Amino acid sequence: MKTYSEVFDVVPSDLDDLNHVNNIRYVEWIQDISKKHWMHVTSEETQESMVWVVRNHNITYHKSAVLGHTILMNTYIKSNKGPISIRIVEIKNKATDELLVKAVTEWCLLDAKTFRPKRVPEEIEALFMD
């Protein structure tokens, strides 16, 4: 597996009424890092010919992040089968390495013109997996 990572600080707009990172923000982070990984690894031509849509998010919240925490996010592709790609996103407290949130997301690859499911091509698989 080839991992893509990002580090950033929790800011006031990330917080909910309990002064913890809002659950919706975690979902946004999961989707954002997934897209950034795709954009970082693939060519513009590939990005124009294929798109991904979420089929299922399974998110487990272990601990809360709060203002001032530095977040370390890692993502990688666990497996592919047909048009479905299983992506893992781990969100950790960078200072303590504690796992805050783990997401397992099923993404479905679509042809960008027809929006029909498309088998993950071997050349795409090779970009994301060892």
Protein backbone atom coordinates (compact mmCIF):
# COMPACT_ATOMS: atom_id res chain seq x y z
CA MET A 1 0.00 0.00 0.00
CA LYS A 2 1.18 3.50 -0.80
CA THR A 3 0.23 6.00 1.90
CA TYR A 4 -0.60 9.66 1.42
CA SER A 5 -0.38 11.92 4.49
CA GLU A 6 -1.31 15.40 5.57
CA VAL A 7 -0.69 17.41 8.78
CA PHE A 8 -2.71 20.41 9.96
CA ASP A 9 -3.97 22.12 13.11
CA VAL A 10 -7.52 22.09 14.46
CA VAL A 11 -9.01 25.59 14.09
CA PRO A 12 -12.11 27.18 15.73
CA SER A 13 -14.34 26.56 12.69
CA ASP A 14 -13.73 22.77 13.10
CA LEU A 15 -15.46 22.68 16.49
CA ASP A 16 -18.98 21.80 17.56
CA ASP A 17 -20.99 23.02 20.58
CA LEU A 18 -18.93 20.77 22.89
CA ASN A 19 -15.65 22.32 21.66
CA HIS A 20 -14.64 19.04 19.99
CA VAL A 21 -14.07 18.59 16.28
CA ASN A 22 -17.51 18.22 14.70
CA ASN A 23 -18.31 14.77 13.26
CA ILE A 24 -19.23 16.39 9.96
CA ARG A 25 -15.75 17.96 9.80
CA TYR A 26 -14.19 14.48 10.08
CA VAL A 27 -16.27 13.36 7.08
CA GLU A 28 -15.11 16.43 5.15
CA TRP A 29 -11.48 15.66 6.06
CA ILE A 30 -11.92 12.04 4.94
CA GLN A 31 -13.33 13.11 1.59
CA ASP A 32 -10.77 15.90 1.14
CA ILE A 33 -7.71 13.72 1.74
CA SER A 34 -9.12 11.02 -0.54
CA LYS A 35 -9.54 13.54 -3.36
CA LYS A 36 -6.09 15.08 -2.72
CA HIS A 37 -4.49 11.63 -2.90
CA TRP A 38 -6.24 10.95 -6.24
CA MET A 39 -5.22 14.35 -7.63
CA HIS A 40 -1.63 13.98 -6.40
CA VAL A 41 -1.06 10.57 -7.98
CA THR A 42 -3.02 10.70 -11.25
CA SER A 43 -2.66 12.75 -14.42
CA GLU A 44 -5.09 15.45 -15.50
CA GLU A 45 -6.16 13.21 -18.39
CA THR A 46 -7.01 10.40 -15.97
CA GLN A 47 -8.89 12.80 -13.69
CA GLU A 48 -10.98 13.98 -16.64
CA SER A 49 -11.88 10.43 -17.73
CA MET A 50 -12.76 8.88 -14.35
CA VAL A 51 -14.59 10.04 -11.23
CA TRP A 52 -15.16 8.51 -7.81
CA VAL A 53 -18.35 8.45 -5.76
CA VAL A 54 -18.82 7.22 -2.20
CA ARG A 55 -20.82 4.04 -1.87
CA ASN A 56 -20.40 3.62 1.88
CA HIS A 57 -18.56 5.30 4.78
CA ASN A 58 -17.87 3.28 7.93
CA ILE A 59 -16.44 5.69 10.50
CA THR A 60 -15.32 4.73 13.99
CA TYR A 61 -14.73 7.59 16.42
CA HIS A 62 -12.18 6.65 19.11
CA LYS A 63 -11.23 9.96 20.75
CA SER A 64 -11.99 13.65 20.30
CA ALA A 65 -9.74 16.30 18.81
CA VAL A 66 -9.89 19.82 20.22
CA LEU A 67 -8.61 23.29 19.41
CA GLY A 68 -4.83 23.37 19.31
CA HIS A 69 -4.36 19.71 18.42
CA THR A 70 -2.21 18.94 15.40
CA ILE A 71 -3.79 16.28 13.21
CA LEU A 72 -1.93 13.64 11.21
CA MET A 73 -4.05 12.01 8.52
CA ASN A 74 -2.96 8.96 6.55
CA THR A 75 -4.85 7.32 3.72
CA TYR A 76 -4.26 4.34 1.47
CA ILE A 77 -6.12 1.91 -0.75
CA LYS A 78 -6.63 -1.43 0.98
CA SER A 79 -8.11 -3.31 -1.99
CA ASN A 80 -9.92 -3.08 -5.32
CA LYS A 81 -12.58 -5.34 -6.75
CA GLY A 82 -14.28 -4.45 -10.02
CA PRO A 83 -15.27 -0.76 -9.76
CA ILE A 84 -15.02 -0.72 -5.92
CA SER A 85 -11.99 0.57 -4.08
CA ILE A 86 -11.67 0.23 -0.30
CA ARG A 87 -9.88 3.27 1.12
CA ILE A 88 -8.66 3.56 4.70
CA VAL A 89 -8.27 6.95 6.40
CA GLU A 90 -6.70 7.19 9.84
CA ILE A 91 -6.87 10.46 11.74
CA LYS A 92 -4.42 10.75 14.63
CA ASN A 93 -3.29 13.25 17.22
CA LYS A 94 0.18 13.98 15.86
CA ALA A 95 1.70 14.74 19.29
CA THR A 96 0.53 11.51 20.95
CA ASP A 97 0.05 9.24 17.88
CA GLU A 98 -3.36 8.30 19.33
CA LEU A 99 -5.93 7.13 16.81
CA LEU A 100 -8.87 9.52 16.87
CA VAL A 101 -10.92 8.30 13.90
CA LYS A 102 -10.68 5.43 11.44
CA ALA A 103 -12.73 5.36 8.26
CA VAL A 104 -13.22 2.54 5.80
CA THR A 105 -14.85 3.90 2.67
CA GLU A 106 -16.09 2.08 -0.41
CA TRP A 107 -15.53 4.28 -3.43
CA CYS A 108 -17.02 3.37 -6.81
CA LEU A 109 -15.14 4.35 -9.97
CA LEU A 110 -17.29 5.82 -12.74
CA ASP A 111 -16.64 6.72 -16.33
CA ALA A 112 -16.70 10.54 -16.33
CA LYS A 113 -18.82 10.75 -19.50
CA THR A 114 -21.42 8.01 -18.95
CA PHE A 115 -21.35 7.88 -15.12
CA ARG A 116 -21.44 4.10 -15.39
CA PRO A 117 -19.32 1.98 -13.03
CA LYS A 118 -15.91 1.15 -14.46
CA ARG A 119 -13.50 -1.57 -13.34
CA VAL A 120 -10.42 -0.05 -11.68
CA PRO A 121 -7.76 -0.32 -14.42
CA GLU A 122 -4.51 -2.13 -13.56
CA GLU A 123 -2.49 1.01 -14.31
CA ILE A 124 -4.53 2.95 -11.73
CA GLU A 125 -4.23 0.13 -9.20
CA ALA A 126 -0.44 0.19 -9.66
CA LEU A 127 -0.32 3.89 -8.74
CA PHE A 128 -1.93 3.26 -5.34
CA MET A 129 -0.87 -0.24 -4.32
CA ASP A 130 2.44 -2.08 -3.98
